[in-house]
Amino acid sequence: MDPYKKVIVTVAQLNGYTKELLENDAFISDIYVRGELSNFKIYSSGHLYFSLKDEKAAIAGVMWRSYASKLPFIPKDGLKVVAHGRISLYEDSGRYQIIVDDLQPDGIGSLYYAYEQLKQKLYEEGLFDEKYKKQLPRYPGRVGIITSPTGAAIRDMTRILGRRFPIAEMLLYPSLVQGAGAAAQLASGIRYFNEMKNVDVIIIGRGGGSIEDLWEFNSEALAREIFASEIPVISAVGHESDFTICDFVADVRASTPSAAAELAVPDVSELYIRLENAKKKLSLLANAYVDSRRKKLTVLSASPFLRSPMNFIDTKRMKVTQLLDRLDGNFGRIFERKRSLYKEKVASLEALSPLAVLSRGYGVSYDRNGCILKSVKGIKKGDIIRNILSDGEITATVSDIKTEEK
C-alpha cells in the first residue's frame, strides 16, 4: 500500500482513532492537571461534570459516581484543584476531556477543606451558638463515656474520675473512634444515653492522632446528634491543639480526655476543704448568735419586771385606773354636751310644729279633697269641711259664706 496515498475516513473512524491514540499514550493516561473548577454540575446519576481552566485554556472534565462518592468534600465553582486521571475523547461529539478519578483542593488537603466546609455550614445554622450550650451538673451521680474500651483515653478518665469524685458512677458505651463506621457508633452512644436517661453528663472523645485518625469526629450526623442531646456533652478529642466539629457543637470542649474528666466532676478533696471551712464558719456564727442571746438574756433578767413582777403589775394597774377615770370624765362631758344639743333641737322643732299653733286656739280646715283651706273661694253652701283643733276634729256643713272686703 502506498503510504502517501490519501485515505478517506468517516468522522466516527477519526474520533475512534484519536481516542485510541490518546488512551494509549503513557503520559496522558496517568496525569495530574492543576486548574480552577467552572461550570460544575452534579447530575442525578451522581456523576460530576465540570471544566478545568487556567488563564489561557480550558478542558472538559468528568468524574464518575464511583469515584465522586469517595470525595470527603463538595467541589464547587472557583475552587482550585489538582485532578488526577486520563485524557480521552468522547466519540459522539469529538470532545476532548479528562476522565478524573481523584480530586484534591490545590494547596490544602481534601479532608481539611471538607472540615472547613462543614464547619462553616453548621456555624451558619447556629449549631455552635452559645445560647444553646447547656450547663454541666455540679454534682453528677453518673457519668456516661463514649470511647474505645481499650484506648489510653478510657484508662486516664477512669483514673481521674475515681480519684476526684469516687461516689459518681461511670457508664461506658464502647465505640470505634476511628475508621469507617466509627461516627455511626459514636452517634449511637449519644442516642443511647438520651433514650435511657441514665447519666447526668456525657464525655465523648479519644486520644490524639492525625486528621485522618480524628476524622470520624467531624461527621455531620454526629454533630447533629450532639446538638440534639438533652444531656450536657463534653467533647474531648485529641490533644489541646486538635479541633474537630464535635468540639464546636458540644456544650463544653476539653483539651484532652483527662481534662474532660476533671471538668465533668468536682474534686472531692476540694469539697472536703469547703465543707470544713463551712463547718468552721457555721460554728462561729452559731457561737456568736448564742453569745448575743445570752447577753440579751442578762439584760432582760436585770429588768425591774423580772426582779419584782408585782411592782411592775401594780404600776400598770394604777396606769389603767387613771386612764379609766379620764375615760369616765370625758364620756360624761361628751354626754352632757350631746344632751343639751338635743334639747335645743327639740325646742326648735316644737316651735315650728303646727300642733303648737293649734294649742294656742287656732284650727285648720280641710275641703272634701283633704286640701287645707286658705280662702273661702271655691267653697259653696252645703259643702262638708273638716276642722282640726288642738284636742280633736269637727266635721261641718257650710250654711253661710262671708268674705271680707279689702
Protein backbone atom coordinates (compact mmCIF):
# COMPACT_ATOMS: atom_id res chain seq x y z
CA MET A 1 0.00 0.00 0.00
CA ASP A 2 1.32 3.39 -0.95
CA PRO A 3 1.99 5.24 2.34
CA TYR A 4 1.44 8.53 0.55
CA LYS A 5 -1.92 7.55 -0.82
CA LYS A 6 -4.64 9.57 0.86
CA VAL A 7 -7.25 7.58 2.82
CA ILE A 8 -10.74 8.92 3.34
CA VAL A 9 -12.25 8.07 6.78
CA THR A 10 -15.56 8.79 8.47
CA VAL A 11 -15.89 11.15 11.43
CA ALA A 12 -16.60 8.21 13.72
CA GLN A 13 -13.46 6.45 12.46
CA LEU A 14 -11.41 9.56 13.03
CA ASN A 15 -12.74 10.03 16.55
CA GLY A 16 -12.18 6.37 17.35
CA TYR A 17 -8.63 6.51 16.04
CA THR A 18 -7.89 9.69 18.00
CA LYS A 19 -9.40 8.22 21.17
CA GLU A 20 -7.19 5.16 20.85
CA LEU A 21 -4.11 7.34 20.40
CA LEU A 22 -4.96 9.40 23.49
CA GLU A 23 -5.73 6.45 25.72
CA ASN A 24 -2.62 4.55 24.71
CA ASP A 25 -0.30 7.45 25.42
CA ALA A 26 1.56 6.64 28.64
CA PHE A 27 1.98 10.30 29.64
CA ILE A 28 -1.61 11.47 29.39
CA SER A 29 -3.18 8.20 30.55
CA ASP A 30 -1.91 8.83 34.11
CA ILE A 31 -1.67 12.58 34.56
CA TYR A 32 -2.18 15.30 37.16
CA VAL A 33 -3.68 18.58 35.98
CA ARG A 34 -3.88 21.80 38.01
CA GLY A 35 -6.74 24.19 37.29
CA GLU A 36 -9.83 26.01 38.52
CA LEU A 37 -13.27 24.39 38.51
CA SER A 38 -16.03 26.06 36.49
CA ASN A 39 -19.45 25.03 35.12
CA PHE A 40 -19.57 22.46 37.92
CA LYS A 41 -22.70 20.24 37.98
CA ILE A 42 -23.81 17.16 39.89
CA TYR A 43 -26.29 15.07 37.93
CA SER A 44 -28.95 12.82 39.44
CA SER A 45 -26.83 9.88 38.36
CA GLY A 46 -24.14 11.03 40.79
CA HIS A 47 -21.65 11.82 38.02
CA LEU A 48 -19.78 15.14 38.14
CA TYR A 49 -19.31 17.31 35.07
CA PHE A 50 -17.13 20.43 35.00
CA SER A 51 -14.40 22.35 33.25
CA LEU A 52 -10.81 22.80 34.34
CA LYS A 53 -9.36 26.13 33.31
CA ASP A 54 -6.40 28.43 33.81
CA GLU A 55 -5.57 31.88 32.43
CA LYS A 56 -5.06 30.59 28.88
CA ALA A 57 -7.07 27.43 28.27
CA ALA A 58 -9.81 25.06 29.46
CA ILE A 59 -10.59 21.37 29.24
CA ALA A 60 -13.84 19.49 29.91
CA GLY A 61 -13.82 17.01 32.75
CA VAL A 62 -15.99 14.24 34.13
CA MET A 63 -15.84 12.20 37.34
CA TRP A 64 -17.94 9.08 37.52
CA ARG A 65 -20.11 8.41 40.55
CA SER A 66 -17.95 5.52 41.78
CA TYR A 67 -15.09 7.98 42.32
CA ALA A 68 -17.17 11.05 43.23
CA SER A 69 -18.87 9.25 46.12
CA LYS A 70 -15.48 8.87 47.83
CA LEU A 71 -14.73 12.60 47.91
CA PRO A 72 -14.76 13.92 51.51
CA PHE A 73 -15.75 17.42 50.30
CA ILE A 74 -18.18 19.00 47.86
CA PRO A 75 -16.45 20.61 44.84
CA LYS A 76 -17.72 23.98 43.66
CA ASP A 77 -17.03 26.62 41.01
CA GLY A 78 -13.92 28.68 41.64
CA LEU A 79 -12.13 26.01 43.65
CA LYS A 80 -8.53 25.48 42.58
CA VAL A 81 -7.79 21.77 42.38
CA VAL A 82 -5.31 19.16 41.26
CA ALA A 83 -7.14 16.49 39.24
CA HIS A 84 -5.74 13.02 38.53
CA GLY A 85 -6.98 10.96 35.62
CA ARG A 86 -6.58 10.17 31.97
CA ILE A 87 -7.19 12.07 28.77
CA SER A 88 -9.85 10.67 26.49
CA LEU A 89 -12.20 11.65 23.70
CA TYR A 90 -15.99 11.46 23.69
CA GLU A 91 -16.52 9.95 20.25
CA ASP A 92 -20.10 11.10 19.68
CA SER A 93 -19.17 14.81 19.85
CA GLY A 94 -15.44 14.59 19.34
CA ARG A 95 -14.96 16.37 22.64
CA TYR A 96 -11.56 16.15 24.21
CA GLN A 97 -11.83 15.66 28.03
CA ILE A 98 -10.14 14.39 31.15
CA ILE A 99 -11.67 11.43 33.00
CA VAL A 100 -10.94 12.21 36.67
CA ASP A 101 -10.60 9.55 39.37
CA ASP A 102 -9.30 11.79 42.18
CA LEU A 103 -9.68 15.44 43.04
CA GLN A 104 -7.75 17.40 45.67
CA PRO A 105 -8.03 21.09 46.62
CA ASP A 106 -4.86 22.76 45.46
CA GLY A 107 -2.62 23.79 48.34
CA ILE A 108 -4.69 22.16 51.12
CA GLY A 109 -5.77 18.61 51.86
CA SER A 110 -9.23 17.41 50.87
CA LEU A 111 -10.05 16.45 54.46
CA TYR A 112 -9.16 19.90 55.75
CA TYR A 113 -11.21 21.52 53.00
CA ALA A 114 -14.19 19.26 53.84
CA TYR A 115 -13.74 20.14 57.52
CA GLU A 116 -13.86 23.87 56.77
CA GLN A 117 -16.92 23.44 54.55
CA LEU A 118 -18.90 21.58 57.21
CA LYS A 119 -17.72 23.92 59.96
CA GLN A 120 -19.00 26.96 58.04
CA LYS A 121 -22.30 25.26 57.23
CA LEU A 122 -23.06 24.28 60.83
CA TYR A 123 -21.94 27.68 62.11
CA GLU A 124 -24.41 29.42 59.80
CA GLU A 125 -27.17 27.10 61.04
CA GLY A 126 -26.43 28.13 64.64
CA LEU A 127 -25.23 24.75 65.96
CA PHE A 128 -22.22 26.43 67.62
CA ASP A 129 -24.23 29.27 69.21
CA GLU A 130 -23.52 29.81 72.92
CA LYS A 131 -27.22 30.29 73.69
CA TYR A 132 -27.78 26.55 73.08
CA LYS A 133 -24.96 25.41 75.38
CA LYS A 134 -26.18 23.53 78.46
CA GLN A 135 -24.64 23.91 81.92
CA LEU A 136 -22.76 20.95 83.34
CA PRO A 137 -24.27 19.44 86.51
CA ARG A 138 -22.46 20.47 89.66
CA TYR A 139 -22.51 17.07 91.35
CA PRO A 140 -23.26 14.35 88.76
CA GLY A 141 -24.29 10.97 90.07
CA ARG A 142 -23.45 9.16 86.81
CA VAL A 143 -21.02 9.99 84.01
CA GLY A 144 -21.51 8.45 80.56
CA ILE A 145 -18.37 7.93 78.44
CA ILE A 146 -18.34 7.16 74.71
CA THR A 147 -14.93 5.97 73.57
CA SER A 148 -12.85 2.90 72.81
CA PRO A 149 -12.82 0.42 75.70
CA THR A 150 -9.16 -0.41 75.06
CA GLY A 151 -7.58 3.02 74.46
CA ALA A 152 -5.49 5.12 76.78
CA ALA A 153 -8.30 7.69 76.99
CA ILE A 154 -10.66 5.43 78.98
CA ARG A 155 -7.86 4.47 81.38
CA ASP A 156 -7.00 8.12 82.02
CA MET A 157 -10.62 9.14 82.53
CA THR A 158 -11.37 6.18 84.82
CA ARG A 159 -8.36 7.01 86.98
CA ILE A 160 -9.21 10.73 87.25
CA LEU A 161 -12.93 10.20 87.87
CA GLY A 162 -12.16 7.66 90.59
CA ARG A 163 -9.68 9.98 92.27
CA ARG A 164 -11.67 13.22 92.02
CA PHE A 165 -15.23 12.05 92.71
CA PRO A 166 -15.39 8.35 93.61
CA ILE A 167 -19.10 8.49 94.53
CA ALA A 168 -20.00 9.12 90.85
CA GLU A 169 -20.76 6.00 88.82
CA MET A 170 -19.17 5.68 85.38
CA LEU A 171 -21.05 4.07 82.45
CA LEU A 172 -19.06 3.20 79.30
CA TYR A 173 -20.58 2.98 75.82
CA PRO A 174 -17.86 1.18 73.82
CA SER A 175 -17.32 2.54 70.32
CA LEU A 176 -14.85 2.71 67.48
CA VAL A 177 -13.04 6.04 67.48
CA GLN A 178 -11.52 5.99 64.01
CA GLY A 179 -12.07 4.37 60.65
CA ALA A 180 -15.22 3.51 58.74
CA GLY A 181 -18.33 3.16 60.91
CA ALA A 182 -16.88 4.97 63.95
CA ALA A 183 -19.05 8.07 63.52
CA ALA A 184 -22.22 5.97 63.42
CA GLN A 185 -21.26 4.16 66.64
CA LEU A 186 -20.38 7.43 68.37
CA ALA A 187 -23.75 8.92 67.39
CA SER A 188 -25.45 5.75 68.59
CA GLY A 189 -23.86 6.27 72.01
CA ILE A 190 -25.30 9.78 72.27
CA ARG A 191 -28.77 8.45 71.36
CA TYR A 192 -28.46 5.57 73.83
CA PHE A 193 -27.73 7.76 76.85
CA ASN A 194 -30.51 10.18 75.89
CA GLU A 195 -33.06 7.40 75.45
CA MET A 196 -32.09 5.66 78.70
CA LYS A 197 -31.64 8.93 80.63
CA ASN A 198 -29.27 7.05 82.93
CA VAL A 199 -26.43 9.62 83.15
CA ASP A 200 -26.13 13.29 84.13
CA VAL A 201 -23.31 14.21 81.74
CA ILE A 202 -21.69 12.62 78.66
CA ILE A 203 -18.00 12.60 77.67
CA ILE A 204 -17.22 11.71 74.05
CA GLY A 205 -13.66 11.52 72.80
CA ARG A 206 -10.37 9.78 72.21
CA GLY A 207 -6.65 10.42 72.37
CA GLY A 208 -4.63 12.36 69.83
CA GLY A 209 -3.83 11.46 66.25
CA SER A 210 -3.63 12.72 62.69
CA ILE A 211 -6.53 14.45 60.96
CA GLU A 212 -7.34 11.11 59.35
CA ASP A 213 -7.44 9.41 62.77
CA LEU A 214 -9.78 12.07 64.19
CA TRP A 215 -11.87 12.43 61.04
CA GLU A 216 -14.92 10.50 62.30
CA PHE A 217 -15.44 13.23 64.93
CA ASN A 218 -16.06 15.63 62.03
CA SER A 219 -19.20 13.76 60.98
CA GLU A 220 -22.23 15.96 60.29
CA ALA A 221 -24.59 13.25 61.58
CA LEU A 222 -22.63 13.02 64.85
CA ALA A 223 -22.64 16.81 65.21
CA ARG A 224 -26.42 16.95 64.86
CA GLU A 225 -26.85 14.12 67.37
CA ILE A 226 -24.73 16.01 69.93
CA PHE A 227 -26.66 19.23 69.29
CA ALA A 228 -29.98 17.42 69.87
CA SER A 229 -28.80 15.80 73.13
CA GLU A 230 -30.81 16.77 76.20
CA ILE A 231 -27.88 15.68 78.39
CA PRO A 232 -24.84 18.02 78.51
CA VAL A 233 -21.98 16.75 76.33
CA ILE A 234 -18.24 17.29 76.87
CA SER A 235 -16.08 16.80 73.78
CA ALA A 236 -12.56 15.52 74.43
CA VAL A 237 -10.96 14.69 71.09
CA GLY A 238 -7.21 14.52 70.66
CA HIS A 239 -4.75 16.96 72.19
CA GLU A 240 -5.14 20.63 73.09
CA SER A 241 -4.20 21.75 69.57
CA ASP A 242 -6.70 19.41 67.87
CA PHE A 243 -10.13 20.80 66.96
CA THR A 244 -13.00 18.85 65.45
CA ILE A 245 -16.61 19.65 64.59
CA CYS A 246 -17.54 17.65 67.69
CA ASP A 247 -15.65 20.21 69.82
CA PHE A 248 -17.58 23.17 68.41
CA VAL A 249 -21.07 21.70 68.76
CA ALA A 250 -20.60 20.15 72.23
CA ASP A 251 -21.70 22.07 75.32
CA VAL A 252 -18.11 22.11 76.64
CA ARG A 253 -14.83 21.40 74.87
CA ALA A 254 -11.98 19.81 76.84
CA SER A 255 -8.41 19.90 75.58
CA THR A 256 -7.84 16.20 76.40
CA PRO A 257 -9.83 13.25 77.76
CA SER A 258 -8.12 13.76 81.13
CA ALA A 259 -9.23 17.40 81.16
CA ALA A 260 -12.76 16.28 80.31
CA ALA A 261 -12.85 14.03 83.36
CA GLU A 262 -11.72 16.95 85.53
CA LEU A 263 -14.47 19.17 84.07
CA ALA A 264 -17.17 16.52 84.50
CA VAL A 265 -16.89 16.08 88.27
CA PRO A 266 -15.78 18.16 91.25
CA ASP A 267 -12.67 17.31 93.27
CA VAL A 268 -13.78 15.56 96.45
CA SER A 269 -10.71 16.82 98.33
CA GLU A 270 -11.70 20.40 97.50
CA LEU A 271 -15.23 19.61 98.65
CA TYR A 272 -13.89 18.34 101.96
CA ILE A 273 -11.95 21.58 102.40
CA ARG A 274 -15.01 23.66 101.53
CA LEU A 275 -17.16 21.63 103.91
CA GLU A 276 -14.60 22.03 106.68
CA ASN A 277 -14.47 25.79 106.10
CA ALA A 278 -18.27 25.92 106.06
CA LYS A 279 -18.36 23.94 109.29
CA LYS A 280 -15.96 26.38 110.97
CA LYS A 281 -17.93 29.36 109.69
CA LEU A 282 -21.19 27.83 110.88
CA SER A 283 -19.70 27.15 114.30
CA LEU A 284 -18.50 30.75 114.58
CA LEU A 285 -21.90 32.08 113.56
CA ALA A 286 -23.68 29.76 115.99
CA ASN A 287 -21.40 30.79 118.88
CA ALA A 288 -21.84 34.46 118.03
CA TYR A 289 -25.61 34.04 117.98
CA VAL A 290 -25.64 32.21 121.32
CA ASP A 291 -23.42 34.90 122.87
CA SER A 292 -25.71 37.69 121.64
CA ARG A 293 -28.78 35.87 123.00
CA ARG A 294 -27.01 35.29 126.32
CA LYS A 295 -26.15 38.98 126.64
CA LYS A 296 -29.73 39.94 125.85
CA LEU A 297 -30.99 37.47 128.45
CA THR A 298 -28.65 39.01 131.03
CA VAL A 299 -30.03 42.47 130.27
CA LEU A 300 -33.60 41.23 130.49
CA SER A 301 -33.01 39.38 133.75
CA ALA A 302 -31.81 42.66 135.29
CA SER A 303 -35.01 44.49 134.31
CA PRO A 304 -37.43 45.70 137.07
CA PHE A 305 -40.18 43.44 135.83
CA LEU A 306 -38.18 40.25 136.26
CA ARG A 307 -36.74 41.42 139.62
CA SER A 308 -40.15 42.42 141.07
CA PRO A 309 -43.09 41.42 138.84
CA MET A 310 -45.76 42.66 141.34
CA ASN A 311 -44.34 46.17 141.43
CA PHE A 312 -44.46 46.24 137.66
CA ILE A 313 -48.05 44.94 137.67
CA ASP A 314 -49.15 47.46 140.34
CA THR A 315 -47.67 50.32 138.33
CA LYS A 316 -49.53 49.17 135.23
CA ARG A 317 -52.75 48.72 137.24
CA MET A 318 -52.55 52.32 138.53
CA LYS A 319 -52.00 53.49 135.00
CA VAL A 320 -55.09 51.62 133.83
CA THR A 321 -57.16 53.10 136.69
CA GLN A 322 -56.09 56.61 135.75
CA LEU A 323 -57.00 56.01 132.16
CA LEU A 324 -60.44 54.66 133.14
CA ASP A 325 -61.09 57.73 135.31
CA ARG A 326 -60.14 60.00 132.46
CA LEU A 327 -62.37 58.00 130.15
CA ASP A 328 -65.36 58.27 132.52
CA GLY A 329 -64.87 62.04 132.92
CA ASN A 330 -64.53 62.59 129.20
CA PHE A 331 -67.54 60.42 128.45
CA GLY A 332 -69.73 62.35 130.98
CA ARG A 333 -68.79 65.70 129.49
CA ILE A 334 -69.47 64.47 125.97
CA PHE A 335 -72.86 63.07 127.05
CA GLU A 336 -73.92 66.38 128.64
CA ARG A 337 -72.94 68.32 125.54
CA LYS A 338 -74.92 65.97 123.32
CA ARG A 339 -77.99 66.11 125.64
CA SER A 340 -78.01 69.95 125.67
CA LEU A 341 -77.76 69.98 121.90
CA TYR A 342 -80.64 67.52 121.68
CA LYS A 343 -82.89 69.71 123.87
CA GLU A 344 -82.13 72.72 121.71
CA LYS A 345 -83.08 70.82 118.54
CA VAL A 346 -86.35 69.59 120.12
CA ALA A 347 -87.32 73.09 121.24
CA SER A 348 -86.68 74.41 117.73
CA LEU A 349 -88.82 71.68 116.20
CA GLU A 350 -91.68 72.29 118.69
CA ALA A 351 -91.67 76.00 117.88
CA LEU A 352 -92.18 75.19 114.24
CA SER A 353 -94.75 72.42 114.83
CA PRO A 354 -98.40 73.03 113.65
CA LEU A 355 -99.57 71.44 116.89
CA ALA A 356 -98.05 74.35 118.82
CA VAL A 357 -100.15 76.75 116.77
CA LEU A 358 -103.29 74.71 117.43
CA SER A 359 -102.61 74.69 121.16
CA ARG A 360 -102.90 78.46 121.14
CA GLY A 361 -106.59 78.32 119.97
CA TYR A 362 -106.20 78.05 116.25
CA GLY A 363 -107.62 75.41 113.92
CA VAL A 364 -107.01 74.02 110.42
CA SER A 365 -109.81 73.40 107.89
CA TYR A 366 -109.70 70.84 105.02
CA ASP A 367 -112.06 70.62 101.99
CA ARG A 368 -113.66 67.46 100.74
CA ASN A 369 -110.47 66.57 98.87
CA GLY A 370 -108.32 66.82 102.01
CA CYS A 371 -106.65 70.07 100.97
CA ILE A 372 -106.05 72.85 103.53
CA LEU A 373 -108.48 75.74 103.08
CA LYS A 374 -106.62 79.02 102.75
CA SER A 375 -109.53 81.02 101.25
CA VAL A 376 -113.37 80.92 101.01
CA LYS A 377 -113.02 80.86 97.27
CA GLY A 378 -114.06 77.52 95.86
CA ILE A 379 -116.33 76.76 98.84
CA LYS A 380 -120.08 76.83 98.48
CA LYS A 381 -123.02 76.25 100.75
CA GLY A 382 -123.67 72.63 101.51
CA ASP A 383 -120.00 71.60 101.26
CA ILE A 384 -118.67 69.39 104.01
CA ILE A 385 -115.45 70.52 105.63
CA ARG A 386 -113.23 69.18 108.43
CA ASN A 387 -111.85 71.37 111.21
CA ILE A 388 -108.78 70.20 113.14
CA LEU A 389 -108.44 71.65 116.65
CA SER A 390 -105.84 71.06 119.33
CA ASP A 391 -107.89 68.35 121.01
CA GLY A 392 -109.94 66.85 118.15
CA GLU A 393 -111.70 67.13 114.81
CA ILE A 394 -115.12 68.61 113.74
CA THR A 395 -116.97 67.78 110.54
CA ALA A 396 -119.42 70.53 109.46
CA THR A 397 -121.70 71.55 106.60
CA VAL A 398 -121.25 75.06 105.20
CA SER A 399 -124.51 77.08 105.68
CA ASP A 400 -123.22 80.58 105.08
CA ILE A 401 -120.14 82.18 103.47
CA LYS A 402 -118.94 85.71 104.23
CA THR A 403 -115.96 87.43 102.60
CA GLU A 404 -114.05 90.43 103.88
CA GLU A 405 -113.89 93.42 101.67
CA LYS A 406 -110.44 94.87 101.07
